[in-house]
């Protein structure tokens, strides 16, 4: 069983999957940074200079000047601004993955194009060349 497990771990698919997870995590970090540092500042500015990362509702009834003050006090809160950032990150990441898969499938489909060289005889259902006028199996004529 140990040998079987070792073989499973070193198979190419397992290594490819591990590399995919590593790059996926790094890519998600880049997308999150892009949303927080590039996308949200202009969106917040257009919406009246709102910093989404600082939007929260304190659940203890007190008022806090900033997210830092809230965190420092250890107060429970609904941090809906961070949730909005995460939703936008998710949508962007989903779109990028969709575009990547769409491109991959297009490349894959172009490589898999197979030239059809045979047809099926309507009489005996055997495979015959496209140019055949008569089936070599049953003698049926194909025009």
C-alpha atoms as a PDB file:
ATOM      1  CA  UNK A   1       0.000   0.000   0.000  1.00  0.00           C
ATOM      2  CA  UNK A   2       2.882   2.373   0.767  1.00  0.00           C
ATOM      3  CA  UNK A   3       4.382   1.790  -2.685  1.00  0.00           C
ATOM      4  CA  UNK A   4       1.005   2.429  -4.289  1.00  0.00           C
ATOM      5  CA  UNK A   5       0.664   5.694  -2.341  1.00  0.00           C
ATOM      6  CA  UNK A   6       4.204   6.737  -3.358  1.00  0.00           C
ATOM      7  CA  UNK A   7       3.397   6.021  -7.009  1.00  0.00           C
ATOM      8  CA  UNK A   8       0.230   8.118  -6.712  1.00  0.00           C
ATOM      9  CA  UNK A   9       2.144  11.067  -5.227  1.00  0.00           C
ATOM     10  CA  UNK A  10       4.824  11.163  -7.910  1.00  0.00           C
ATOM     11  CA  UNK A  11       2.516  10.739 -10.875  1.00  0.00           C
ATOM     12  CA  UNK A  12       2.535  13.669 -13.267  1.00  0.00           C
ATOM     13  CA  UNK A  13      -1.093  14.568 -12.569  1.00  0.00           C
ATOM     14  CA  UNK A  14      -0.492  14.997  -8.847  1.00  0.00           C
ATOM     15  CA  UNK A  15       2.521  17.252  -9.420  1.00  0.00           C
ATOM     16  CA  UNK A  16       0.603  19.287 -12.028  1.00  0.00           C
ATOM     17  CA  UNK A  17      -2.277  19.699  -9.607  1.00  0.00           C
ATOM     18  CA  UNK A  18       0.063  20.875  -6.834  1.00  0.00           C
ATOM     19  CA  UNK A  19       1.664  23.436  -9.142  1.00  0.00           C
ATOM     20  CA  UNK A  20      -1.818  24.573 -10.165  1.00  0.00           C
ATOM     21  CA  UNK A  21      -2.805  25.121  -6.537  1.00  0.00           C
ATOM     22  CA  UNK A  22       0.356  27.111  -5.843  1.00  0.00           C
ATOM     23  CA  UNK A  23      -0.134  29.364  -8.871  1.00  0.00           C
ATOM     24  CA  UNK A  24      -3.865  29.637  -8.127  1.00  0.00           C
ATOM     25  CA  UNK A  25      -3.146  30.903  -4.621  1.00  0.00           C
ATOM     26  CA  UNK A  26      -0.589  33.400  -5.908  1.00  0.00           C
ATOM     27  CA  UNK A  27      -2.974  34.549  -8.633  1.00  0.00           C
ATOM     28  CA  UNK A  28      -5.793  35.042  -6.103  1.00  0.00           C
ATOM     29  CA  UNK A  29      -3.438  37.217  -4.026  1.00  0.00           C
ATOM     30  CA  UNK A  30      -2.642  39.345  -7.072  1.00  0.00           C
ATOM     31  CA  UNK A  31      -6.342  39.737  -7.926  1.00  0.00           C
ATOM     32  CA  UNK A  32      -7.174  40.671  -4.323  1.00  0.00           C
ATOM     33  CA  UNK A  33      -4.401  43.290  -4.365  1.00  0.00           C
ATOM     34  CA  UNK A  34      -5.620  44.621  -7.714  1.00  0.00           C
ATOM     35  CA  UNK A  35      -9.150  45.017  -6.360  1.00  0.00           C
ATOM     36  CA  UNK A  36      -8.044  46.644  -3.084  1.00  0.00           C
ATOM     37  CA  UNK A  37      -5.387  48.925  -4.577  1.00  0.00           C
ATOM     38  CA  UNK A  38      -6.456  49.606  -8.168  1.00  0.00           C
ATOM     39  CA  UNK A  39     -10.188  48.984  -8.658  1.00  0.00           C
ATOM     40  CA  UNK A  40     -11.758  50.078  -5.363  1.00  0.00           C
ATOM     41  CA  UNK A  41     -10.082  53.496  -4.925  1.00  0.00           C
ATOM     42  CA  UNK A  42     -11.583  54.928  -8.160  1.00  0.00           C
ATOM     43  CA  UNK A  43     -14.937  53.242  -7.452  1.00  0.00           C
ATOM     44  CA  UNK A  44     -14.936  54.715  -3.945  1.00  0.00           C
ATOM     45  CA  UNK A  45     -13.996  58.132  -5.312  1.00  0.00           C
ATOM     46  CA  UNK A  46     -16.840  58.014  -7.841  1.00  0.00           C
ATOM     47  CA  UNK A  47     -19.235  57.088  -5.038  1.00  0.00           C
ATOM     48  CA  UNK A  48     -18.360  60.121  -2.927  1.00  0.00           C
ATOM     49  CA  UNK A  49     -14.888  59.258  -1.637  1.00  0.00           C
ATOM     50  CA  UNK A  50     -16.013  56.077   0.151  1.00  0.00           C
ATOM     51  CA  UNK A  51     -13.317  53.680   1.369  1.00  0.00           C
ATOM     52  CA  UNK A  52     -15.131  50.355   1.225  1.00  0.00           C
ATOM     53  CA  UNK A  53     -12.544  48.632   3.403  1.00  0.00           C
ATOM     54  CA  UNK A  54     -13.564  50.955   6.281  1.00  0.00           C
ATOM     55  CA  UNK A  55     -17.309  50.263   6.140  1.00  0.00           C
ATOM     56  CA  UNK A  56     -18.628  48.346   9.143  1.00  0.00           C
ATOM     57  CA  UNK A  57     -21.450  48.142  11.651  1.00  0.00           C
ATOM     58  CA  UNK A  58     -20.312  47.766  15.267  1.00  0.00           C
ATOM     59  CA  UNK A  59     -22.491  45.244  17.088  1.00  0.00           C
ATOM     60  CA  UNK A  60     -21.674  46.400  20.621  1.00  0.00           C
ATOM     61  CA  UNK A  61     -23.576  49.683  20.240  1.00  0.00           C
ATOM     62  CA  UNK A  62     -20.467  51.879  20.377  1.00  0.00           C
ATOM     63  CA  UNK A  63     -19.136  54.137  17.628  1.00  0.00           C
ATOM     64  CA  UNK A  64     -15.605  53.681  16.296  1.00  0.00           C
ATOM     65  CA  UNK A  65     -13.705  56.151  14.124  1.00  0.00           C
ATOM     66  CA  UNK A  66     -11.999  53.499  12.013  1.00  0.00           C
ATOM     67  CA  UNK A  67     -11.590  49.788  11.428  1.00  0.00           C
ATOM     68  CA  UNK A  68      -8.318  49.965  13.383  1.00  0.00           C
ATOM     69  CA  UNK A  69     -10.095  51.387  16.427  1.00  0.00           C
ATOM     70  CA  UNK A  70     -12.747  48.690  16.137  1.00  0.00           C
ATOM     71  CA  UNK A  71     -10.155  45.924  15.902  1.00  0.00           C
ATOM     72  CA  UNK A  72      -8.112  47.404  18.749  1.00  0.00           C
ATOM     73  CA  UNK A  73     -11.189  47.402  20.997  1.00  0.00           C
ATOM     74  CA  UNK A  74     -11.926  43.818  19.951  1.00  0.00           C
ATOM     75  CA  UNK A  75     -15.541  44.725  19.290  1.00  0.00           C
ATOM     76  CA  UNK A  76     -17.746  42.452  17.180  1.00  0.00           C
ATOM     77  CA  UNK A  77     -18.791  43.969  13.886  1.00  0.00           C
ATOM     78  CA  UNK A  78     -20.272  43.287  10.491  1.00  0.00           C
ATOM     79  CA  UNK A  79     -17.475  44.335   8.136  1.00  0.00           C
ATOM     80  CA  UNK A  80     -19.586  44.695   5.010  1.00  0.00           C
ATOM     81  CA  UNK A  81     -17.041  46.892   3.205  1.00  0.00           C
ATOM     82  CA  UNK A  82     -14.470  44.083   3.242  1.00  0.00           C
ATOM     83  CA  UNK A  83     -17.210  41.727   2.056  1.00  0.00           C
ATOM     84  CA  UNK A  84     -17.908  44.041  -0.922  1.00  0.00           C
ATOM     85  CA  UNK A  85     -14.174  43.991  -1.773  1.00  0.00           C
ATOM     86  CA  UNK A  86     -14.145  40.188  -1.575  1.00  0.00           C
ATOM     87  CA  UNK A  87     -17.232  39.893  -3.816  1.00  0.00           C
ATOM     88  CA  UNK A  88     -15.574  42.108  -6.446  1.00  0.00           C
ATOM     89  CA  UNK A  89     -12.362  40.051  -6.164  1.00  0.00           C
ATOM     90  CA  UNK A  90     -14.375  36.871  -6.645  1.00  0.00           C
ATOM     91  CA  UNK A  91     -16.129  38.235  -9.742  1.00  0.00           C
ATOM     92  CA  UNK A  92     -12.852  39.379 -11.310  1.00  0.00           C
ATOM     93  CA  UNK A  93     -11.124  36.090 -10.486  1.00  0.00           C
ATOM     94  CA  UNK A  94     -14.076  34.140 -11.868  1.00  0.00           C
ATOM     95  CA  UNK A  95     -14.022  36.174 -15.081  1.00  0.00           C
ATOM     96  CA  UNK A  96     -10.282  35.685 -15.555  1.00  0.00           C
ATOM     97  CA  UNK A  97     -10.568  31.933 -14.935  1.00  0.00           C
ATOM     98  CA  UNK A  98     -13.516  31.795 -17.355  1.00  0.00           C
ATOM     99  CA  UNK A  99     -11.485  33.572 -20.052  1.00  0.00           C
ATOM    100  CA  UNK A 100      -8.497  31.281 -19.419  1.00  0.00           C
ATOM    101  CA  UNK A 101     -10.638  28.127 -19.704  1.00  0.00           C
ATOM    102  CA  UNK A 102     -12.394  29.496 -22.782  1.00  0.00           C
ATOM    103  CA  UNK A 103      -9.025  30.122 -24.468  1.00  0.00           C
ATOM    104  CA  UNK A 104      -7.716  26.726 -23.384  1.00  0.00           C
ATOM    105  CA  UNK A 105     -10.793  24.963 -24.779  1.00  0.00           C
ATOM    106  CA  UNK A 106     -10.439  26.867 -28.052  1.00  0.00           C
ATOM    107  CA  UNK A 107      -6.790  25.793 -28.378  1.00  0.00           C
ATOM    108  CA  UNK A 108      -7.675  22.249 -27.401  1.00  0.00           C
ATOM    109  CA  UNK A 109     -10.515  22.088 -29.942  1.00  0.00           C
ATOM    110  CA  UNK A 110      -8.277  23.381 -32.753  1.00  0.00           C
ATOM    111  CA  UNK A 111      -5.687  20.680 -31.999  1.00  0.00           C
ATOM    112  CA  UNK A 112      -8.343  17.965 -31.886  1.00  0.00           C
ATOM    113  CA  UNK A 113      -9.734  18.680 -35.342  1.00  0.00           C
ATOM    114  CA  UNK A 114      -9.728  15.328 -37.071  1.00  0.00           C
ATOM    115  CA  UNK A 115     -10.233  14.979 -40.785  1.00  0.00           C
ATOM    116  CA  UNK A 116     -13.108  12.611 -41.556  1.00  0.00           C
ATOM    117  CA  UNK A 117     -12.058  10.021 -44.137  1.00  0.00           C
ATOM    118  CA  UNK A 118     -14.832   7.452 -43.808  1.00  0.00           C
ATOM    119  CA  UNK A 119     -18.612   7.191 -43.831  1.00  0.00           C
ATOM    120  CA  UNK A 120     -21.041   4.581 -42.581  1.00  0.00           C
ATOM    121  CA  UNK A 121     -22.842   2.331 -45.049  1.00  0.00           C
ATOM    122  CA  UNK A 122     -26.593   2.848 -44.714  1.00  0.00           C
ATOM    123  CA  UNK A 123     -27.247  -0.829 -45.433  1.00  0.00           C
ATOM    124  CA  UNK A 124     -24.741  -2.772 -43.277  1.00  0.00           C
ATOM    125  CA  UNK A 125     -23.435  -0.001 -40.959  1.00  0.00           C
ATOM    126  CA  UNK A 126     -19.796  -0.793 -41.817  1.00  0.00           C
ATOM    127  CA  UNK A 127     -17.218   1.988 -42.209  1.00  0.00           C
ATOM    128  CA  UNK A 128     -16.250   2.707 -45.831  1.00  0.00           C
ATOM    129  CA  UNK A 129     -14.046   5.400 -47.465  1.00  0.00           C
ATOM    130  CA  UNK A 130     -15.754   8.711 -48.300  1.00  0.00           C
ATOM    131  CA  UNK A 131     -14.995   8.335 -52.008  1.00  0.00           C
ATOM    132  CA  UNK A 132     -16.495   4.827 -52.191  1.00  0.00           C
ATOM    133  CA  UNK A 133     -19.350   4.401 -54.656  1.00  0.00           C
ATOM    134  CA  UNK A 134     -20.063   0.843 -53.556  1.00  0.00           C
ATOM    135  CA  UNK A 135     -19.760  -0.811 -50.117  1.00  0.00           C
ATOM    136  CA  UNK A 136     -17.086  -3.492 -50.075  1.00  0.00           C
ATOM    137  CA  UNK A 137     -18.925  -5.386 -47.347  1.00  0.00           C
ATOM    138  CA  UNK A 138     -22.491  -5.663 -48.627  1.00  0.00           C
ATOM    139  CA  UNK A 139     -22.335  -4.333 -52.203  1.00  0.00           C
ATOM    140  CA  UNK A 140     -24.773  -1.469 -51.537  1.00  0.00           C
ATOM    141  CA  UNK A 141     -24.223   1.436 -53.956  1.00  0.00           C
ATOM    142  CA  UNK A 142     -23.555   4.916 -52.497  1.00  0.00           C
ATOM    143  CA  UNK A 143     -24.070   7.880 -54.731  1.00  0.00           C
END
